[in-house]
Amino acid sequence: METMNIFLPEALKAFVEAQVAEGRYSSASDYIHELIRADQKRKTGERLEALLLEGLNSGEPIEVTEVFWHEKRRQLLERNRKINGA
């Protein structure tokens, strides 16, 4: 694992130490890890939302029925057979 030094103003340092003192985290490092993981999750959610909106705005809407999914599955299986030579 790599080491990274960060400099915090006294107020932020005290806040981080308070989080650890409350017992929510075992160390300042654990607290920072959790913040980074939460930010990664947030950014992934933002990206997913952007992709969903892009999909919704990508063309004329179609009705998605059981017949649609059956045909889509058939097409994907056929495409997979062609790619894999089966």
PDB file of N, CA and C in Angstrom:
ATOM      1  N   MET A   1       0.849  -1.174   0.000  1.00  0.00           N
ATOM      2  CA  MET A   1       0.000   0.000   0.000  1.00  0.00           C
ATOM      3  C   MET A   1       0.895   1.237   0.000  1.00  0.00           C
ATOM      4  N   GLU A   2       0.487   2.208  -0.759  1.00  0.00           N
ATOM      5  CA  GLU A   2       1.244   3.451  -0.868  1.00  0.00           C
ATOM      6  C   GLU A   2       0.884   4.410   0.259  1.00  0.00           C
ATOM      7  N   THR A   3       1.788   5.328   0.547  1.00  0.00           N
ATOM      8  CA  THR A   3       1.575   6.358   1.555  1.00  0.00           C
ATOM      9  C   THR A   3       1.400   7.693   0.866  1.00  0.00           C
ATOM     10  N   MET A   4       0.475   8.495   1.410  1.00  0.00           N
ATOM     11  CA  MET A   4       0.254   9.826   0.875  1.00  0.00           C
ATOM     12  C   MET A   4       0.124  10.773   2.059  1.00  0.00           C
ATOM     13  N   ASN A   5       0.888  11.828   2.044  1.00  0.00           N
ATOM     14  CA  ASN A   5       0.790  12.834   3.098  1.00  0.00           C
ATOM     15  C   ASN A   5      -0.148  13.938   2.658  1.00  0.00           C
ATOM     16  N   ILE A   6      -1.003  14.367   3.568  1.00  0.00           N
ATOM     17  CA  ILE A   6      -1.882  15.490   3.273  1.00  0.00           C
ATOM     18  C   ILE A   6      -1.751  16.518   4.396  1.00  0.00           C
ATOM     19  N   PHE A   7      -1.964  17.754   4.056  1.00  0.00           N
ATOM     20  CA  PHE A   7      -1.895  18.835   5.028  1.00  0.00           C
ATOM     21  C   PHE A   7      -3.296  19.382   5.222  1.00  0.00           C
ATOM     22  N   LEU A   8      -3.716  19.458   6.480  1.00  0.00           N
ATOM     23  CA  LEU A   8      -5.048  19.940   6.808  1.00  0.00           C
ATOM     24  C   LEU A   8      -4.953  21.141   7.737  1.00  0.00           C
ATOM     25  N   PRO A   9      -5.850  22.087   7.556  1.00  0.00           N
ATOM     26  CA  PRO A   9      -5.939  23.150   8.547  1.00  0.00           C
ATOM     27  C   PRO A   9      -6.314  22.526   9.899  1.00  0.00           C
ATOM     28  N   GLU A  10      -5.984  23.198  10.981  1.00  0.00           N
ATOM     29  CA  GLU A  10      -6.227  22.651  12.315  1.00  0.00           C
ATOM     30  C   GLU A  10      -7.688  22.251  12.524  1.00  0.00           C
ATOM     31  N   ALA A  11      -8.624  23.044  12.006  1.00  0.00           N
ATOM     32  CA  ALA A  11     -10.041  22.731  12.204  1.00  0.00           C
ATOM     33  C   ALA A  11     -10.424  21.409  11.533  1.00  0.00           C
ATOM     34  N   LEU A  12      -9.906  21.167  10.329  1.00  0.00           N
ATOM     35  CA  LEU A  12     -10.206  19.907   9.646  1.00  0.00           C
ATOM     36  C   LEU A  12      -9.525  18.732  10.346  1.00  0.00           C
ATOM     37  N   LYS A  13      -8.318  18.944  10.796  1.00  0.00           N
ATOM     38  CA  LYS A  13      -7.591  17.896  11.518  1.00  0.00           C
ATOM     39  C   LYS A  13      -8.371  17.509  12.774  1.00  0.00           C
ATOM     40  N   ALA A  14      -8.862  18.511  13.488  1.00  0.00           N
ATOM     41  CA  ALA A  14      -9.637  18.247  14.699  1.00  0.00           C
ATOM     42  C   ALA A  14     -10.920  17.486  14.366  1.00  0.00           C
ATOM     43  N   PHE A  15     -11.538  17.837  13.263  1.00  0.00           N
ATOM     44  CA  PHE A  15     -12.759  17.142  12.849  1.00  0.00           C
ATOM     45  C   PHE A  15     -12.472  15.674  12.565  1.00  0.00           C
ATOM     46  N   VAL A  16     -11.418  15.405  11.819  1.00  0.00           N
ATOM     47  CA  VAL A  16     -11.050  14.017  11.504  1.00  0.00           C
ATOM     48  C   VAL A  16     -10.760  13.259  12.791  1.00  0.00           C
ATOM     49  N   GLU A  17     -10.010  13.857  13.669  1.00  0.00           N
ATOM     50  CA  GLU A  17      -9.689  13.201  14.943  1.00  0.00           C
ATOM     51  C   GLU A  17     -10.944  12.933  15.769  1.00  0.00           C
ATOM     52  N   ALA A  18     -11.914  13.840  15.701  1.00  0.00           N
ATOM     53  CA  ALA A  18     -13.173  13.640  16.425  1.00  0.00           C
ATOM     54  C   ALA A  18     -13.932  12.438  15.868  1.00  0.00           C
ATOM     55  N   GLN A  19     -13.896  12.248  14.542  1.00  0.00           N
ATOM     56  CA  GLN A  19     -14.560  11.095  13.945  1.00  0.00           C
ATOM     57  C   GLN A  19     -13.946   9.805  14.459  1.00  0.00           C
ATOM     58  N   VAL A  20     -12.646   9.802  14.582  1.00  0.00           N
ATOM     59  CA  VAL A  20     -11.941   8.619  15.082  1.00  0.00           C
ATOM     60  C   VAL A  20     -12.255   8.432  16.567  1.00  0.00           C
ATOM     61  N   ALA A  21     -12.245   9.518  17.335  1.00  0.00           N
ATOM     62  CA  ALA A  21     -12.497   9.439  18.784  1.00  0.00           C
ATOM     63  C   ALA A  21     -13.907   8.927  19.082  1.00  0.00           C
ATOM     64  N   GLU A  22     -14.852   9.232  18.212  1.00  0.00           N
ATOM     65  CA  GLU A  22     -16.228   8.755  18.407  1.00  0.00           C
ATOM     66  C   GLU A  22     -16.335   7.251  18.196  1.00  0.00           C
ATOM     67  N   GLY A  23     -15.286   6.641  17.671  1.00  0.00           N
ATOM     68  CA  GLY A  23     -15.281   5.202  17.478  1.00  0.00           C
ATOM     69  C   GLY A  23     -15.876   4.748  16.158  1.00  0.00           C
ATOM     70  N   ARG A  24     -16.220   5.699  15.315  1.00  0.00           N
ATOM     71  CA  ARG A  24     -16.789   5.326  14.018  1.00  0.00           C
ATOM     72  C   ARG A  24     -15.715   4.775  13.090  1.00  0.00           C
ATOM     73  N   TYR A  25     -14.481   5.182  13.304  1.00  0.00           N
ATOM     74  CA  TYR A  25     -13.356   4.760  12.473  1.00  0.00           C
ATOM     75  C   TYR A  25     -12.206   4.405  13.391  1.00  0.00           C
ATOM     76  N   SER A  26     -11.383   3.459  12.950  1.00  0.00           N
ATOM     77  CA  SER A  26     -10.263   3.041  13.794  1.00  0.00           C
ATOM     78  C   SER A  26      -9.054   3.953  13.659  1.00  0.00           C
ATOM     79  N   SER A  27      -9.026   4.754  12.585  1.00  0.00           N
ATOM     80  CA  SER A  27      -7.896   5.672  12.384  1.00  0.00           C
ATOM     81  C   SER A  27      -8.310   6.763  11.411  1.00  0.00           C
ATOM     82  N   ALA A  28      -7.488   7.792  11.346  1.00  0.00           N
ATOM     83  CA  ALA A  28      -7.724   8.866  10.375  1.00  0.00           C
ATOM     84  C   ALA A  28      -7.665   8.294   8.960  1.00  0.00           C
ATOM     85  N   SER A  29      -6.788   7.339   8.755  1.00  0.00           N
ATOM     86  CA  SER A  29      -6.664   6.709   7.446  1.00  0.00           C
ATOM     87  C   SER A  29      -7.959   6.011   7.050  1.00  0.00           C
ATOM     88  N   ASP A  30      -8.581   5.297   7.996  1.00  0.00           N
ATOM     89  CA  ASP A  30      -9.858   4.634   7.706  1.00  0.00           C
ATOM     90  C   ASP A  30     -10.927   5.657   7.332  1.00  0.00           C
ATOM     91  N   TYR A  31     -10.939   6.779   8.037  1.00  0.00           N
ATOM     92  CA  TYR A  31     -11.911   7.825   7.744  1.00  0.00           C
ATOM     93  C   TYR A  31     -11.710   8.370   6.329  1.00  0.00           C
ATOM     94  N   ILE A  32     -10.469   8.649   5.966  1.00  0.00           N
ATOM     95  CA  ILE A  32     -10.161   9.162   4.626  1.00  0.00           C
ATOM     96  C   ILE A  32     -10.520   8.121   3.568  1.00  0.00           C
ATOM     97  N   HIS A  33     -10.220   6.855   3.833  1.00  0.00           N
ATOM     98  CA  HIS A  33     -10.596   5.782   2.894  1.00  0.00           C
ATOM     99  C   HIS A  33     -12.099   5.804   2.635  1.00  0.00           C
ATOM    100  N   GLU A  34     -12.869   5.920   3.728  1.00  0.00           N
ATOM    101  CA  GLU A  34     -14.330   5.924   3.593  1.00  0.00           C
ATOM    102  C   GLU A  34     -14.801   7.129   2.791  1.00  0.00           C
ATOM    103  N   LEU A  35     -14.204   8.283   3.010  1.00  0.00           N
ATOM    104  CA  LEU A  35     -14.571   9.466   2.233  1.00  0.00           C
ATOM    105  C   LEU A  35     -14.291   9.259   0.746  1.00  0.00           C
ATOM    106  N   ILE A  36     -13.164   8.675   0.447  1.00  0.00           N
ATOM    107  CA  ILE A  36     -12.799   8.442  -0.955  1.00  0.00           C
ATOM    108  C   ILE A  36     -13.740   7.421  -1.591  1.00  0.00           C
ATOM    109  N   ARG A  37     -14.041   6.338  -0.859  1.00  0.00           N
ATOM    110  CA  ARG A  37     -14.974   5.336  -1.393  1.00  0.00           C
ATOM    111  C   ARG A  37     -16.348   5.956  -1.644  1.00  0.00           C
ATOM    112  N   ALA A  38     -16.805   6.798  -0.725  1.00  0.00           N
ATOM    113  CA  ALA A  38     -18.108   7.455  -0.900  1.00  0.00           C
ATOM    114  C   ALA A  38     -18.083   8.367  -2.125  1.00  0.00           C
ATOM    115  N   ASP A  39     -16.985   9.060  -2.340  1.00  0.00           N
ATOM    116  CA  ASP A  39     -16.874   9.942  -3.510  1.00  0.00           C
ATOM    117  C   ASP A  39     -16.860   9.127  -4.797  1.00  0.00           C
ATOM    118  N   GLN A  40     -16.148   7.998  -4.788  1.00  0.00           N
ATOM    119  CA  GLN A  40     -16.138   7.121  -5.957  1.00  0.00           C
ATOM    120  C   GLN A  40     -17.549   6.621  -6.262  1.00  0.00           C
ATOM    121  N   LYS A  41     -18.272   6.216  -5.222  1.00  0.00           N
ATOM    122  CA  LYS A  41     -19.638   5.728  -5.401  1.00  0.00           C
ATOM    123  C   LYS A  41     -20.522   6.836  -5.957  1.00  0.00           C
ATOM    124  N   ARG A  42     -20.379   8.043  -5.444  1.00  0.00           N
ATOM    125  CA  ARG A  42     -21.168   9.173  -5.918  1.00  0.00           C
ATOM    126  C   ARG A  42     -20.889   9.447  -7.391  1.00  0.00           C
ATOM    127  N   LYS A  43     -19.613   9.442  -7.759  1.00  0.00           N
ATOM    128  CA  LYS A  43     -19.247   9.709  -9.152  1.00  0.00           C
ATOM    129  C   LYS A  43     -19.743   8.600 -10.080  1.00  0.00           C
ATOM    130  N   THR A  44     -19.705   7.359  -9.613  1.00  0.00           N
ATOM    131  CA  THR A  44     -20.233   6.254 -10.401  1.00  0.00           C
ATOM    132  C   THR A  44     -21.731   6.433 -10.598  1.00  0.00           C
ATOM    133  N   GLY A  45     -22.423   6.842  -9.542  1.00  0.00           N
ATOM    134  CA  GLY A  45     -23.858   7.099  -9.642  1.00  0.00           C
ATOM    135  C   GLY A  45     -24.164   8.227 -10.614  1.00  0.00           C
ATOM    136  N   GLU A  46     -23.361   9.277 -10.579  1.00  0.00           N
ATOM    137  CA  GLU A  46     -23.553  10.387 -11.518  1.00  0.00           C
ATOM    138  C   GLU A  46     -23.352   9.921 -12.954  1.00  0.00           C
ATOM    139  N   ARG A  47     -22.338   9.097 -13.166  1.00  0.00           N
ATOM    140  CA  ARG A  47     -22.060   8.573 -14.512  1.00  0.00           C
ATOM    141  C   ARG A  47     -23.206   7.684 -14.980  1.00  0.00           C
ATOM    142  N   LEU A  48     -23.694   6.826 -14.095  1.00  0.00           N
ATOM    143  CA  LEU A  48     -24.805   5.960 -14.443  1.00  0.00           C
ATOM    144  C   LEU A  48     -26.042   6.787 -14.784  1.00  0.00           C
ATOM    145  N   GLU A  49     -26.314   7.808 -13.986  1.00  0.00           N
ATOM    146  CA  GLU A  49     -27.466   8.671 -14.263  1.00  0.00           C
ATOM    147  C   GLU A  49     -27.315   9.356 -15.621  1.00  0.00           C
ATOM    148  N   ALA A  50     -26.110   9.830 -15.932  1.00  0.00           N
ATOM    149  CA  ALA A  50     -25.875  10.473 -17.228  1.00  0.00           C
ATOM    150  C   ALA A  50     -26.105   9.485 -18.378  1.00  0.00           C
ATOM    151  N   LEU A  51     -25.635   8.249 -18.213  1.00  0.00           N
ATOM    152  CA  LEU A  51     -25.837   7.235 -19.252  1.00  0.00           C
ATOM    153  C   LEU A  51     -27.312   6.885 -19.410  1.00  0.00           C
ATOM    154  N   LEU A  52     -28.027   6.801 -18.294  1.00  0.00           N
ATOM    155  CA  LEU A  52     -29.458   6.517 -18.379  1.00  0.00           C
ATOM    156  C   LEU A  52     -30.202   7.645 -19.093  1.00  0.00           C
ATOM    157  N   LEU A  53     -29.860   8.880 -18.765  1.00  0.00           N
ATOM    158  CA  LEU A  53     -30.488  10.012 -19.449  1.00  0.00           C
ATOM    159  C   LEU A  53     -30.142  10.019 -20.928  1.00  0.00           C
ATOM    160  N   GLU A  54     -28.898   9.696 -21.237  1.00  0.00           N
ATOM    161  CA  GLU A  54     -28.483   9.612 -22.638  1.00  0.00           C
ATOM    162  C   GLU A  54     -29.310   8.561 -23.365  1.00  0.00           C
ATOM    163  N   GLY A  55     -29.507   7.424 -22.713  1.00  0.00           N
ATOM    164  CA  GLY A  55     -30.316   6.370 -23.313  1.00  0.00           C
ATOM    165  C   GLY A  55     -31.760   6.789 -23.510  1.00  0.00           C
ATOM    166  N   LEU A  56     -32.309   7.456 -22.507  1.00  0.00           N
ATOM    167  CA  LEU A  56     -33.694   7.911 -22.613  1.00  0.00           C
ATOM    168  C   LEU A  56     -33.880   8.922 -23.736  1.00  0.00           C
ATOM    169  N   ASN A  57     -32.848   9.707 -24.002  1.00  0.00           N
ATOM    170  CA  ASN A  57     -32.935  10.740 -25.026  1.00  0.00           C
ATOM    171  C   ASN A  57     -32.330  10.316 -26.360  1.00  0.00           C
ATOM    172  N   SER A  58     -32.082   9.018 -26.530  1.00  0.00           N
ATOM    173  CA  SER A  58     -31.329   8.561 -27.696  1.00  0.00           C
ATOM    174  C   SER A  58     -32.168   8.275 -28.935  1.00  0.00           C
ATOM    175  N   GLY A  59     -33.441   8.373 -28.825  1.00  0.00           N
ATOM    176  CA  GLY A  59     -34.249   8.095 -30.015  1.00  0.00           C
ATOM    177  C   GLY A  59     -35.704   7.933 -29.664  1.00  0.00           C
ATOM    178  N   GLU A  60     -36.416   7.445 -30.637  1.00  0.00           N
ATOM    179  CA  GLU A  60     -37.842   7.234 -30.447  1.00  0.00           C
ATOM    180  C   GLU A  60     -38.068   6.130 -29.417  1.00  0.00           C
ATOM    181  N   PRO A  61     -38.991   6.342 -28.510  1.00  0.00           N
ATOM    182  CA  PRO A  61     -39.265   5.295 -27.522  1.00  0.00           C
ATOM    183  C   PRO A  61     -39.922   4.082 -28.177  1.00  0.00           C
ATOM    184  N   ILE A  62     -39.645   2.924 -27.602  1.00  0.00           N
ATOM    185  CA  ILE A  62     -40.289   1.701 -28.080  1.00  0.00           C
ATOM    186  C   ILE A  62     -40.965   1.029 -26.895  1.00  0.00           C
ATOM    187  N   GLU A  63     -41.991   0.270 -27.176  1.00  0.00           N
ATOM    188  CA  GLU A  63     -42.658  -0.470 -26.121  1.00  0.00           C
ATOM    189  C   GLU A  63     -41.850  -1.729 -25.823  1.00  0.00           C
ATOM    190  N   VAL A  64     -41.498  -1.898 -24.575  1.00  0.00           N
ATOM    191  CA  VAL A  64     -40.720  -3.058 -24.171  1.00  0.00           C
ATOM    192  C   VAL A  64     -41.678  -4.063 -23.539  1.00  0.00           C
ATOM    193  N   THR A  65     -41.890  -5.146 -24.276  1.00  0.00           N
ATOM    194  CA  THR A  65     -42.819  -6.184 -23.842  1.00  0.00           C
ATOM    195  C   THR A  65     -42.067  -7.499 -23.700  1.00  0.00           C
ATOM    196  N   GLU A  66     -42.781  -8.513 -23.296  1.00  0.00           N
ATOM    197  CA  GLU A  66     -42.182  -9.846 -23.214  1.00  0.00           C
ATOM    198  C   GLU A  66     -41.713 -10.312 -24.593  1.00  0.00           C
ATOM    199  N   VAL A  67     -42.469  -9.985 -25.622  1.00  0.00           N
ATOM    200  CA  VAL A  67     -42.094 -10.335 -26.995  1.00  0.00           C
ATOM    201  C   VAL A  67     -40.790  -9.624 -27.373  1.00  0.00           C
ATOM    202  N   PHE A  68     -40.675  -8.353 -27.006  1.00  0.00           N
ATOM    203  CA  PHE A  68     -39.444  -7.606 -27.281  1.00  0.00           C
ATOM    204  C   PHE A  68     -38.244  -8.318 -26.657  1.00  0.00           C
ATOM    205  N   TRP A  69     -38.352  -8.670 -25.345  1.00  0.00           N
ATOM    206  CA  TRP A  69     -37.231  -9.319 -24.664  1.00  0.00           C
ATOM    207  C   TRP A  69     -36.914 -10.682 -25.262  1.00  0.00           C
ATOM    208  N   HIS A  70     -37.912 -11.419 -25.667  1.00  0.00           N
ATOM    209  CA  HIS A  70     -37.680 -12.717 -26.303  1.00  0.00           C
ATOM    210  C   HIS A  70     -36.889 -12.532 -27.600  1.00  0.00           C
ATOM    211  N   GLU A  71     -37.299 -11.571 -28.424  1.00  0.00           N
ATOM    212  CA  GLU A  71     -36.614 -11.311 -29.690  1.00  0.00           C
ATOM    213  C   GLU A  71     -35.203 -10.777 -29.447  1.00  0.00           C
ATOM    214  N   LYS A  72     -35.047  -9.890 -28.470  1.00  0.00           N
ATOM    215  CA  LYS A  72     -33.716  -9.338 -28.145  1.00  0.00           C
ATOM    216  C   LYS A  72     -32.781 -10.454 -27.708  1.00  0.00           C
ATOM    217  N   ARG A  73     -33.267 -11.356 -26.865  1.00  0.00           N
ATOM    218  CA  ARG A  73     -32.450 -12.479 -26.411  1.00  0.00           C
ATOM    219  C   ARG A  73     -32.050 -13.356 -27.590  1.00  0.00           C
ATOM    220  N   ARG A  74     -33.004 -13.637 -28.494  1.00  0.00           N
ATOM    221  CA  ARG A  74     -32.708 -14.456 -29.670  1.00  0.00           C
ATOM    222  C   ARG A  74     -31.619 -13.798 -30.508  1.00  0.00           C
ATOM    223  N   GLN A  75     -31.726 -12.482 -30.721  1.00  0.00           N
ATOM    224  CA  GLN A  75     -30.731 -11.756 -31.515  1.00  0.00           C
ATOM    225  C   GLN A  75     -29.353 -11.804 -30.858  1.00  0.00           C
ATOM    226  N   LEU A  76     -29.316 -11.619 -29.550  1.00  0.00           N
ATOM    227  CA  LEU A  76     -28.032 -11.641 -28.843  1.00  0.00           C
ATOM    228  C   LEU A  76     -27.391 -13.021 -28.866  1.00  0.00           C
ATOM    229  N   LEU A  77     -28.204 -14.058 -28.695  1.00  0.00           N
ATOM    230  CA  LEU A  77     -27.663 -15.417 -28.767  1.00  0.00           C
ATOM    231  C   LEU A  77     -27.120 -15.714 -30.153  1.00  0.00           C
ATOM    232  N   GLU A  78     -27.828 -15.275 -31.185  1.00  0.00           N
ATOM    233  CA  GLU A  78     -27.370 -15.473 -32.562  1.00  0.00           C
ATOM    234  C   GLU A  78     -26.057 -14.731 -32.798  1.00  0.00           C
ATOM    235  N   ARG A  79     -25.990 -13.496 -32.344  1.00  0.00           N
ATOM    236  CA  ARG A  79     -24.761 -12.710 -32.500  1.00  0.00           C
ATOM    237  C   ARG A  79     -23.603 -13.375 -31.767  1.00  0.00           C
ATOM    238  N   ASN A  80     -23.872 -13.907 -30.581  1.00  0.00           N
ATOM    239  CA  ASN A  80     -22.847 -14.588 -29.809  1.00  0.00           C
ATOM    240  C   ASN A  80     -22.366 -15.837 -30.527  1.00  0.00           C
ATOM    241  N   ARG A  81     -23.276 -16.578 -31.134  1.00  0.00           N
ATOM    242  CA  ARG A  81     -22.888 -17.784 -31.888  1.00  0.00           C
ATOM    243  C   ARG A  81     -21.978 -17.418 -33.060  1.00  0.00           C
ATOM    244  N   LYS A  82     -22.295 -16.324 -33.747  1.00  0.00           N
ATOM    245  CA  LYS A  82     -21.473 -15.901 -34.889  1.00  0.00           C
ATOM    246  C   LYS A  82     -20.089 -15.466 -34.429  1.00  0.00           C
ATOM    247  N   ILE A  83     -20.015 -14.739 -33.326  1.00  0.00           N
ATOM    248  CA  ILE A  83     -18.727 -14.260 -32.814  1.00  0.00           C
ATOM    249  C   ILE A  83     -17.862 -15.415 -32.354  1.00  0.00           C
ATOM    250  N   ASN A  84     -18.474 -16.379 -31.671  1.00  0.00           N
ATOM    251  CA  ASN A  84     -17.711 -17.480 -31.098  1.00  0.00           C
ATOM    252  C   ASN A  84     -17.610 -18.681 -32.034  1.00  0.00           C
ATOM    253  N   GLY A  85     -18.193 -18.572 -33.216  1.00  0.00           N
ATOM    254  CA  GLY A  85     -18.076 -19.637 -34.193  1.00  0.00           C
ATOM    255  C   GLY A  85     -18.792 -20.915 -33.824  1.00  0.00           C
ATOM    256  N   ALA A  86     -19.766 -20.797 -32.973  1.00  0.00           N
ATOM    257  CA  ALA A  86     -20.484 -22.005 -32.535  1.00  0.00           C
ATOM    258  C   ALA A  86     -21.646 -22.304 -33.446  1.00  0.00           C
TER     259      ALA A  86
END
